[in-house]
């Protein structure tokens, strides 16, 4: 199905691109783009503004630069001169090699700026440092929910303490308020909205297990009272004998009598809790910055519950997604957990995300590892997540499949590769030791991969200009 969409886009794109954007582009997209200072197209132009914004032109979504140019955010995460610290050594191998090769951070900055332009990148993704921000658009990750999950518990989004935590984490953005190169803010990164490798509870049972006096537990009791009016109706769906609603506050586990209606209860309460998180988080940002975009919270694509995606769309300007393939064991685990997961049906085009959130999408992290790089690629184990591919050519093939699929959809705004450089051979803080980089640990590009990366980054502008919303 994806291949059919791609082939249709390839047939239509060149002709439409000629009319909509620029001079004719050849089949590998090598004609130059006429860009404004922020990396957006000078034409079409949607009018100047203070900051980056989103715009629907009647057929497709775009980001828009402060100069009004149509913009697709094509970038990478972790564009910085330091790289990761190698676990257990205190060393940063990439930083050492940057100084050997370029002589200084300033030398690296100039070379990286040239590379980004040559390779068709226009955005500094998450965890990129500030050296290039005066000339390259960037996004910031705020981690407002960091530390709220832990030790078998889920956050009580209805508690004053949680609200204060989120607001305080969002308060330190003053230096960016008037920066036109800031595309926007990611609220968080890969929060455990459903059961995952961190093994925190699902939200619904997590709230049910809270103490009776917890604000979140009281809100759950109120939710059921509003829905069922009396305990007799409640007991038709849930196998819990209650004399009155006060008793429900003491209940910490319960089984369903009517499976379908109980699952709807679970989903509706998760939506309520997620709305509380997004309301507090977006209000916290807007209290400081009313202008820049709020780019969602970087969902793990295969684990994001549908109600949480819906709530994100209600409060954020963009829905951000991190995409990685699951290995055979990972797929088996996902299948076992599917019945209560509330997850969206997997689809590389992420149509379900757009239909649920009704906001444009941005892939904020994705990548593939190749064995011919010489990197260990042992963690995460490919049998569970991120299966390795044999060569840089196959790695480029998989990048192209993703980029072409996404940017042929009218609701996509771009993609950010993870990451700029390889991880240390001895592993970063969590043990990851993969060939994720556009460059290796010596700051040398993977030439075969980069040649395709560059060509595809040019080509997707025409593909996106040719995309149209289905009628």
Protein backbone atom coordinates (compact mmCIF):
# COMPACT_ATOMS: atom_id res chain seq x y z
CA UNK A 1 0.00 0.00 0.00
CA UNK A 2 2.80 2.41 0.87
CA UNK A 3 4.54 1.65 -2.42
CA UNK A 4 1.41 2.45 -4.39
CA UNK A 5 1.11 5.82 -2.67
CA UNK A 6 4.73 6.59 -3.34
CA UNK A 7 4.44 5.70 -7.02
CA UNK A 8 1.37 7.89 -7.44
CA UNK A 9 3.21 10.77 -5.76
CA UNK A 10 6.22 10.34 -8.01
CA UNK A 11 4.08 10.51 -11.11
CA UNK A 12 2.26 13.65 -10.01
CA UNK A 13 4.92 15.54 -8.07
CA UNK A 14 7.22 16.98 -10.75
CA UNK A 15 4.44 18.64 -12.75
CA UNK A 16 2.76 20.09 -9.69
CA UNK A 17 6.05 21.29 -8.28
CA UNK A 18 6.75 23.26 -11.44
CA UNK A 19 3.48 25.12 -11.01
CA UNK A 20 3.66 25.58 -7.26
CA UNK A 21 7.25 26.22 -6.36
CA UNK A 22 10.23 26.49 -8.62
CA UNK A 23 11.88 25.75 -11.91
CA UNK A 24 11.56 22.13 -13.08
CA UNK A 25 13.31 19.54 -10.92
CA UNK A 26 14.90 16.43 -12.34
CA UNK A 27 14.13 12.95 -11.07
CA UNK A 28 16.70 13.10 -8.27
CA UNK A 29 15.70 16.60 -7.18
CA UNK A 30 18.98 18.42 -7.83
CA UNK A 31 17.66 21.81 -8.93
CA UNK A 32 18.34 24.48 -6.29
CA UNK A 33 15.57 25.69 -4.03
CA UNK A 34 14.98 29.43 -3.78
CA UNK A 35 15.02 29.89 0.01
CA UNK A 36 14.55 32.69 2.51
CA UNK A 37 17.05 33.25 5.37
CA UNK A 38 15.27 30.65 7.54
CA UNK A 39 15.37 27.91 4.91
CA UNK A 40 11.77 28.26 3.74
CA UNK A 41 10.66 28.65 0.15
CA UNK A 42 10.35 32.23 -1.06
CA UNK A 43 7.35 31.07 -3.05
CA UNK A 44 4.72 30.19 -2.02
CA UNK A 45 4.74 32.91 0.61
CA UNK A 46 2.03 33.13 3.26
CA UNK A 47 2.85 36.52 4.76
CA UNK A 48 5.33 37.67 7.36
CA UNK A 49 4.93 37.06 11.06
CA UNK A 50 6.83 37.23 14.32
CA UNK A 51 7.57 33.49 14.66
CA UNK A 52 7.27 30.18 12.91
CA UNK A 53 3.65 29.07 12.56
CA UNK A 54 1.58 26.36 10.87
CA UNK A 55 -0.58 27.00 7.82
CA UNK A 56 -3.07 24.94 5.82
CA UNK A 57 -3.12 26.18 2.23
CA UNK A 58 -6.37 24.42 1.32
CA UNK A 59 -4.66 21.19 0.25
CA UNK A 60 -1.71 20.59 2.58
CA UNK A 61 -0.07 21.72 5.82
CA UNK A 62 3.14 23.74 6.01
CA UNK A 63 5.31 25.33 8.60
CA UNK A 64 5.78 29.02 7.79
CA UNK A 65 8.94 31.02 8.50
CA UNK A 66 8.85 34.52 10.02
CA UNK A 67 9.42 35.80 6.46
CA UNK A 68 6.31 33.93 5.29
CA UNK A 69 8.08 31.16 3.40
CA UNK A 70 6.65 27.65 3.13
CA UNK A 71 8.88 25.50 5.34
CA UNK A 72 9.43 21.78 5.89
CA UNK A 73 11.49 20.96 8.96
CA UNK A 74 14.27 18.62 7.81
CA UNK A 75 16.91 18.11 10.44
CA UNK A 76 18.67 15.85 12.89
CA UNK A 77 18.82 15.42 16.65
CA UNK A 78 21.95 15.93 18.76
CA UNK A 79 23.76 18.32 16.41
CA UNK A 80 26.48 19.42 18.79
CA UNK A 81 30.29 19.28 19.03
CA UNK A 82 30.39 17.10 22.15
CA UNK A 83 28.48 13.92 21.33
CA UNK A 84 27.69 11.38 24.03
CA UNK A 85 29.83 10.54 27.02
CA UNK A 86 31.11 6.97 26.83
CA UNK A 87 29.70 5.01 29.73
CA UNK A 88 32.13 4.37 32.54
CA UNK A 89 35.01 6.37 31.05
CA UNK A 90 34.16 10.05 31.50
CA UNK A 91 35.33 10.56 27.89
CA UNK A 92 33.50 12.06 24.95
CA UNK A 93 35.12 10.43 21.91
CA UNK A 94 33.31 12.58 19.37
CA UNK A 95 34.36 15.80 21.10
CA UNK A 96 37.97 14.62 21.12
CA UNK A 97 37.84 13.89 17.41
CA UNK A 98 36.13 17.21 16.64
CA UNK A 99 39.11 19.05 18.09
CA UNK A 100 41.58 16.82 16.22
CA UNK A 101 39.82 17.37 12.91
CA UNK A 102 38.66 21.00 13.14
CA UNK A 103 41.00 22.47 15.72
CA UNK A 104 38.22 24.19 17.63
CA UNK A 105 34.48 24.24 18.24
CA UNK A 106 34.32 27.26 15.92
CA UNK A 107 35.88 25.18 13.15
CA UNK A 108 33.33 22.42 13.73
CA UNK A 109 30.50 24.98 13.70
CA UNK A 110 31.51 26.39 10.32
CA UNK A 111 31.96 22.93 8.78
CA UNK A 112 28.65 21.66 10.20
CA UNK A 113 26.79 24.72 8.96
CA UNK A 114 28.11 24.04 5.45
CA UNK A 115 27.23 20.36 5.71
CA UNK A 116 23.67 21.08 6.79
CA UNK A 117 23.08 23.30 3.78
CA UNK A 118 24.73 20.82 1.41
CA UNK A 119 22.77 17.88 2.81
CA UNK A 120 19.41 19.66 2.68
CA UNK A 121 18.93 20.12 6.44
CA UNK A 122 17.39 23.26 7.90
CA UNK A 123 16.57 22.37 11.53
CA UNK A 124 18.46 21.61 14.71
CA UNK A 125 16.42 18.85 16.35
CA UNK A 126 16.18 17.98 20.03
CA UNK A 127 19.33 18.07 22.17
CA UNK A 128 21.27 20.19 19.69
CA UNK A 129 23.52 22.83 21.23
CA UNK A 130 23.51 26.57 20.62
CA UNK A 131 26.46 27.10 18.27
CA UNK A 132 24.29 27.23 15.13
CA UNK A 133 21.12 28.81 16.49
CA UNK A 134 21.91 32.27 15.18
CA UNK A 135 21.50 31.03 11.61
CA UNK A 136 19.60 27.70 11.74
CA UNK A 137 16.03 27.13 13.04
CA UNK A 138 15.84 24.92 16.13
CA UNK A 139 13.45 23.21 18.53
CA UNK A 140 13.74 22.91 22.30
CA UNK A 141 12.73 19.96 24.48
CA UNK A 142 11.47 21.12 27.90
CA UNK A 143 10.87 17.83 29.78
CA UNK A 144 8.03 19.33 31.81
CA UNK A 145 6.84 15.86 32.86
CA UNK A 146 10.28 14.52 33.72
CA UNK A 147 10.37 12.79 37.10
CA UNK A 148 6.61 12.43 37.51
CA UNK A 149 6.54 8.69 36.79
CA UNK A 150 8.40 6.29 39.04
CA UNK A 151 8.42 3.32 41.43
CA UNK A 152 5.27 1.77 40.06
CA UNK A 153 3.23 4.94 40.11
CA UNK A 154 1.75 7.25 37.52
CA UNK A 155 1.53 11.04 37.89
CA UNK A 156 -1.46 12.55 39.63
CA UNK A 157 -2.13 15.29 37.09
CA UNK A 158 -4.92 16.60 39.31
CA UNK A 159 -2.68 17.33 42.29
CA UNK A 160 -1.34 20.83 43.05
CA UNK A 161 2.16 19.39 43.44
CA UNK A 162 2.17 17.96 39.92
CA UNK A 163 0.85 21.20 38.47
CA UNK A 164 3.58 23.15 40.25
CA UNK A 165 6.22 20.69 38.98
CA UNK A 166 5.10 21.14 35.36
CA UNK A 167 4.87 24.91 35.63
CA UNK A 168 8.31 25.21 37.18
CA UNK A 169 9.87 23.02 34.47
CA UNK A 170 8.39 25.27 31.78
CA UNK A 171 9.48 28.53 33.37
CA UNK A 172 13.05 28.75 32.08
CA UNK A 173 12.40 29.79 28.50
CA UNK A 174 12.94 33.53 28.81
CA UNK A 175 16.05 33.63 26.60
CA UNK A 176 14.08 32.27 23.63
CA UNK A 177 10.98 34.43 23.76
CA UNK A 178 11.96 36.82 20.97
CA UNK A 179 14.13 34.47 18.91
CA UNK A 180 12.72 34.14 15.37
CA UNK A 181 14.86 31.04 14.76
CA UNK A 182 13.04 29.05 17.43
CA UNK A 183 10.51 26.82 15.67
CA UNK A 184 8.87 25.75 18.91
CA UNK A 185 8.87 23.65 22.07
CA UNK A 186 8.58 19.91 22.68
CA UNK A 187 6.84 19.54 26.04
CA UNK A 188 8.44 16.17 26.77
CA UNK A 189 10.13 13.14 25.24
CA UNK A 190 8.74 9.60 25.17
CA UNK A 191 6.62 9.73 28.31
CA UNK A 192 5.35 6.26 29.39
CA UNK A 193 1.74 6.85 28.44
CA UNK A 194 1.24 3.09 28.18
CA UNK A 195 3.14 0.05 29.42
CA UNK A 196 6.61 -0.10 27.89
CA UNK A 197 10.23 -1.07 28.65
CA UNK A 198 10.12 1.04 31.82
CA UNK A 199 7.24 -1.09 33.17
CA UNK A 200 5.18 1.70 34.69
CA UNK A 201 1.44 1.01 35.03
CA UNK A 202 -1.16 2.01 32.48
CA UNK A 203 -2.83 5.28 33.45
CA UNK A 204 -6.24 3.86 34.35
CA UNK A 205 -5.11 1.17 36.80
CA UNK A 206 -2.52 3.62 38.06
CA UNK A 207 -5.22 6.07 39.09
CA UNK A 208 -7.38 3.29 40.49
CA UNK A 209 -4.48 2.21 42.73
CA UNK A 210 -4.03 5.68 44.22
CA UNK A 211 -4.92 6.31 47.88
CA UNK A 212 -8.50 7.32 48.56
CA UNK A 213 -7.56 10.90 49.42
CA UNK A 214 -5.40 11.51 46.31
CA UNK A 215 -6.86 14.23 44.04
CA UNK A 216 -6.57 11.89 41.06
CA UNK A 217 -8.48 9.12 42.84
CA UNK A 218 -11.17 11.58 43.85
CA UNK A 219 -11.42 12.69 40.22
CA UNK A 220 -11.80 9.06 39.13
CA UNK A 221 -14.66 8.56 41.60
CA UNK A 222 -16.31 11.77 40.36
CA UNK A 223 -15.88 10.54 36.77
CA UNK A 224 -17.82 7.35 37.51
CA UNK A 225 -20.44 9.18 39.53
CA UNK A 226 -21.06 11.63 36.67
CA UNK A 227 -21.24 8.78 34.18
CA UNK A 228 -23.46 6.31 36.01
CA UNK A 229 -25.42 8.48 38.50
CA UNK A 230 -25.91 5.54 40.89
CA UNK A 231 -23.88 2.54 42.03
CA UNK A 232 -26.39 0.05 40.64
CA UNK A 233 -25.72 1.19 37.06
CA UNK A 234 -21.98 1.22 37.77
CA UNK A 235 -22.16 -2.40 38.95
CA UNK A 236 -23.73 -3.46 35.66
CA UNK A 237 -20.39 -2.68 34.00
CA UNK A 238 -17.88 -3.29 36.79
CA UNK A 239 -17.89 -6.30 39.08
CA UNK A 240 -17.62 -4.24 42.25
CA UNK A 241 -20.42 -4.39 44.85
CA UNK A 242 -20.83 -0.89 46.28
CA UNK A 243 -23.23 0.50 48.84
CA UNK A 244 -22.36 4.08 47.93
CA UNK A 245 -19.80 6.10 45.97
CA UNK A 246 -17.64 6.71 49.03
CA UNK A 247 -16.70 3.03 48.97
CA UNK A 248 -15.27 3.34 45.46
CA UNK A 249 -12.45 5.54 46.76
CA UNK A 250 -11.20 2.52 48.73
CA UNK A 251 -11.18 0.19 45.71
CA UNK A 252 -7.75 -0.27 44.10
CA UNK A 253 -8.44 -3.03 41.55
CA UNK A 254 -11.60 -4.11 39.80
CA UNK A 255 -12.73 -6.43 37.02
CA UNK A 256 -15.13 -5.72 34.19
CA UNK A 257 -18.55 -7.30 33.89
CA UNK A 258 -19.26 -5.65 30.51
CA UNK A 259 -15.91 -5.65 28.67
CA UNK A 260 -16.82 -3.20 25.91
CA UNK A 261 -18.34 -0.58 28.19
CA UNK A 262 -15.54 -0.96 30.71
CA UNK A 263 -12.96 -0.38 28.00
CA UNK A 264 -14.80 2.77 26.97
CA UNK A 265 -14.65 3.91 30.59
CA UNK A 266 -10.90 3.34 30.62
CA UNK A 267 -10.37 5.28 27.41
CA UNK A 268 -12.56 8.18 28.48
CA UNK A 269 -10.78 8.56 31.81
CA UNK A 270 -7.37 8.41 30.13
CA UNK A 271 -8.57 11.19 27.84
CA UNK A 272 -9.59 13.20 30.91
CA UNK A 273 -6.19 12.70 32.57
CA UNK A 274 -4.27 13.47 29.37
CA UNK A 275 -6.26 16.65 28.85
CA UNK A 276 -5.24 17.72 32.35
CA UNK A 277 -1.55 17.20 31.53
CA UNK A 278 -1.71 19.04 28.20
CA UNK A 279 -3.79 21.86 29.64
CA UNK A 280 -1.35 22.51 32.48
CA UNK A 281 1.73 22.11 30.27
CA UNK A 282 0.54 24.36 27.46
CA UNK A 283 -0.75 26.99 29.89
CA UNK A 284 2.65 26.95 31.59
CA UNK A 285 4.40 27.65 28.29
CA UNK A 286 1.85 30.22 27.17
CA UNK A 287 2.21 32.10 30.46
CA UNK A 288 5.72 32.94 29.25
CA UNK A 289 5.50 32.67 25.46
CA UNK A 290 2.28 33.32 23.56
CA UNK A 291 3.87 33.18 20.11
CA UNK A 292 6.08 30.16 19.43
CA UNK A 293 4.67 26.80 18.46
CA UNK A 294 4.02 23.98 20.93
CA UNK A 295 5.16 20.85 19.11
CA UNK A 296 3.62 18.09 21.21
CA UNK A 297 5.43 15.64 23.48
CA UNK A 298 7.34 13.29 21.14
CA UNK A 299 5.21 10.13 21.31
CA UNK A 300 6.70 6.67 20.95
CA UNK A 301 4.65 5.96 17.84
CA UNK A 302 3.69 2.34 18.51
CA UNK A 303 2.83 2.94 22.19
CA UNK A 304 0.80 6.16 22.12
CA UNK A 305 -2.78 5.62 23.36
CA UNK A 306 -5.44 7.08 21.11
CA UNK A 307 -7.02 9.23 23.88
CA UNK A 308 -3.64 10.82 24.65
CA UNK A 309 -3.05 11.60 20.97
CA UNK A 310 -6.52 13.20 20.87
CA UNK A 311 -5.74 15.35 23.90
CA UNK A 312 -2.43 16.40 22.37
CA UNK A 313 -4.22 17.60 19.26
CA UNK A 314 -6.67 19.60 21.34
CA UNK A 315 -3.95 21.61 23.08
CA UNK A 316 -0.82 21.58 20.88
CA UNK A 317 -0.07 23.10 17.49
CA UNK A 318 1.75 20.03 16.17
CA UNK A 319 1.82 16.33 17.11
CA UNK A 320 5.36 14.98 17.30
CA UNK A 321 6.20 11.30 16.82
CA UNK A 322 9.34 9.22 17.39
CA UNK A 323 9.47 6.26 15.01
CA UNK A 324 11.54 3.09 15.34
CA UNK A 325 10.84 -0.38 14.00
CA UNK A 326 10.09 -3.20 16.41
CA UNK A 327 11.95 -6.49 16.11
CA UNK A 328 10.26 -9.93 16.19
CA UNK A 329 10.20 -10.15 19.99
CA UNK A 330 9.02 -6.56 20.25
CA UNK A 331 6.15 -7.23 17.88
CA UNK A 332 5.14 -10.28 19.91
CA UNK A 333 5.10 -8.24 23.12
CA UNK A 334 3.02 -5.55 21.45
CA UNK A 335 0.52 -8.14 20.24
CA UNK A 336 0.11 -9.60 23.73
CA UNK A 337 -0.51 -6.18 25.27
CA UNK A 338 -2.81 -4.95 22.50
CA UNK A 339 -6.29 -5.58 24.04
CA UNK A 340 -5.99 -2.92 26.76
CA UNK A 341 -3.37 -0.67 25.19
CA UNK A 342 -5.70 1.85 23.48
CA UNK A 343 -2.98 2.15 20.81
CA UNK A 344 -3.58 3.33 17.27
CA UNK A 345 -3.29 0.82 14.45
CA UNK A 346 0.32 0.80 13.14
CA UNK A 347 0.66 2.58 9.79
CA UNK A 348 3.84 4.12 8.39
CA UNK A 349 1.83 7.06 7.04
CA UNK A 350 0.45 7.74 10.56
CA UNK A 351 -2.99 8.41 9.15
CA UNK A 352 -4.61 7.41 12.44
CA UNK A 353 -2.57 10.01 14.31
CA UNK A 354 -3.75 12.79 12.02
CA UNK A 355 -7.38 11.65 12.02
CA UNK A 356 -7.34 11.46 15.82
CA UNK A 357 -5.43 14.66 16.62
CA UNK A 358 -6.57 16.76 13.65
CA UNK A 359 -3.25 18.62 13.79
CA UNK A 360 -0.24 18.35 11.47
CA UNK A 361 2.48 15.80 12.28
CA UNK A 362 6.24 16.02 12.65
CA UNK A 363 8.52 13.00 12.98
CA UNK A 364 10.96 14.16 15.64
CA UNK A 365 13.17 11.09 15.84
CA UNK A 366 13.84 8.08 13.63
CA UNK A 367 16.88 6.14 12.51
CA UNK A 368 18.38 2.84 11.40
CA UNK A 369 21.65 1.05 12.20
CA UNK A 370 23.89 -0.74 9.68
CA UNK A 371 26.38 -3.51 10.45
CA UNK A 372 28.96 -2.45 7.86
CA UNK A 373 29.69 0.64 10.00
CA UNK A 374 31.86 -1.38 12.36
CA UNK A 375 29.74 -0.23 15.32
CA UNK A 376 28.59 -2.84 17.88
CA UNK A 377 24.85 -2.12 17.48
CA UNK A 378 24.13 -4.50 20.37
CA UNK A 379 21.84 -2.26 22.43
CA UNK A 380 18.95 -2.04 22.13
CA UNK A 381 18.90 -5.67 20.95
CA UNK A 382 17.54 -5.76 17.41
CA UNK A 383 15.33 -8.74 18.17
CA UNK A 384 13.27 -6.40 20.38
CA UNK A 385 13.69 -2.97 18.83
CA UNK A 386 15.44 -1.30 15.91
CA UNK A 387 16.58 -4.36 13.95
CA UNK A 388 19.90 -3.71 12.24
CA UNK A 389 20.37 -3.72 8.47
CA UNK A 390 23.45 -5.09 6.68
CA UNK A 391 24.73 -2.07 4.76
CA UNK A 392 24.60 1.71 4.37
CA UNK A 393 22.71 1.17 1.12
CA UNK A 394 19.92 -0.67 2.91
CA UNK A 395 19.99 1.97 5.61
CA UNK A 396 19.52 4.62 2.91
CA UNK A 397 16.70 2.58 1.36
CA UNK A 398 14.83 2.52 4.67
CA UNK A 399 15.39 6.24 5.22
CA UNK A 400 14.03 6.96 1.76
CA UNK A 401 10.96 4.77 2.27
CA UNK A 402 10.10 6.68 5.45
CA UNK A 403 10.81 10.16 4.13
CA UNK A 404 8.93 9.63 0.87
CA UNK A 405 5.94 8.04 2.61
CA UNK A 406 5.66 10.84 5.15
CA UNK A 407 6.23 13.80 2.89
CA UNK A 408 3.79 12.47 0.31
CA UNK A 409 1.09 13.05 2.95
CA UNK A 410 -0.45 16.54 3.14
CA UNK A 411 -0.47 16.51 6.95
CA UNK A 412 3.30 16.15 7.51
CA UNK A 413 5.63 19.04 8.34
CA UNK A 414 8.98 17.26 8.21
CA UNK A 415 11.29 14.80 9.93
CA UNK A 416 14.37 14.80 12.19
CA UNK A 417 16.93 12.01 11.89
CA UNK A 418 18.37 10.46 15.04
CA UNK A 419 21.18 11.40 15.34
CA UNK A 420 23.97 13.52 13.88
CA UNK A 421 26.90 11.39 15.05
CA UNK A 422 27.35 7.74 16.03
CA UNK A 423 27.17 6.80 19.67
CA UNK A 424 30.36 5.77 21.52
CA UNK A 425 31.46 2.18 20.85
CA UNK A 426 31.41 1.53 24.59
CA UNK A 427 27.85 2.83 24.85
CA UNK A 428 26.30 6.07 26.04
CA UNK A 429 24.66 6.49 29.48
CA UNK A 430 22.03 3.77 28.84
CA UNK A 431 24.27 1.42 26.88
CA UNK A 432 23.19 2.38 23.37
CA UNK A 433 26.15 1.85 21.03
CA UNK A 434 24.73 2.20 17.57
CA UNK A 435 25.43 3.43 14.08
CA UNK A 436 22.76 6.12 14.18
CA UNK A 437 24.99 8.87 12.84
CA UNK A 438 25.11 10.79 9.63
CA UNK A 439 28.80 10.93 10.55
CA UNK A 440 30.94 8.45 12.44
CA UNK A 441 32.70 9.08 15.72
CA UNK A 442 35.63 10.64 13.78
CA UNK A 443 33.19 13.15 12.23
CA UNK A 444 33.48 11.54 8.79
CA UNK A 445 30.24 11.24 6.78
CA UNK A 446 28.84 7.88 5.71
CA UNK A 447 29.19 8.82 2.05
CA UNK A 448 26.81 6.31 0.47
CA UNK A 449 24.10 7.10 2.99
CA UNK A 450 24.63 10.88 2.79
CA UNK A 451 24.36 10.92 -1.01
CA UNK A 452 20.87 9.44 -0.75
CA UNK A 453 20.02 11.56 2.28
CA UNK A 454 20.85 14.71 0.33
CA UNK A 455 18.88 13.68 -2.75
CA UNK A 456 15.80 12.67 -0.77
CA UNK A 457 15.86 15.86 1.30
CA UNK A 458 15.64 17.84 -1.94
CA UNK A 459 13.02 15.59 -3.46
CA UNK A 460 10.51 15.71 -0.60
CA UNK A 461 9.74 19.38 -1.20
CA UNK A 462 8.19 18.46 -4.55
CA UNK A 463 6.43 15.44 -3.08
CA UNK A 464 4.84 17.53 -0.37
CA UNK A 465 3.83 20.29 -2.78
CA UNK A 466 2.04 17.64 -4.84
CA UNK A 467 0.17 16.13 -1.88
CA UNK A 468 -3.52 16.84 -1.44
CA UNK A 469 -6.11 16.14 1.19
CA UNK A 470 -8.56 13.46 0.10
CA UNK A 471 -12.04 14.73 -0.53
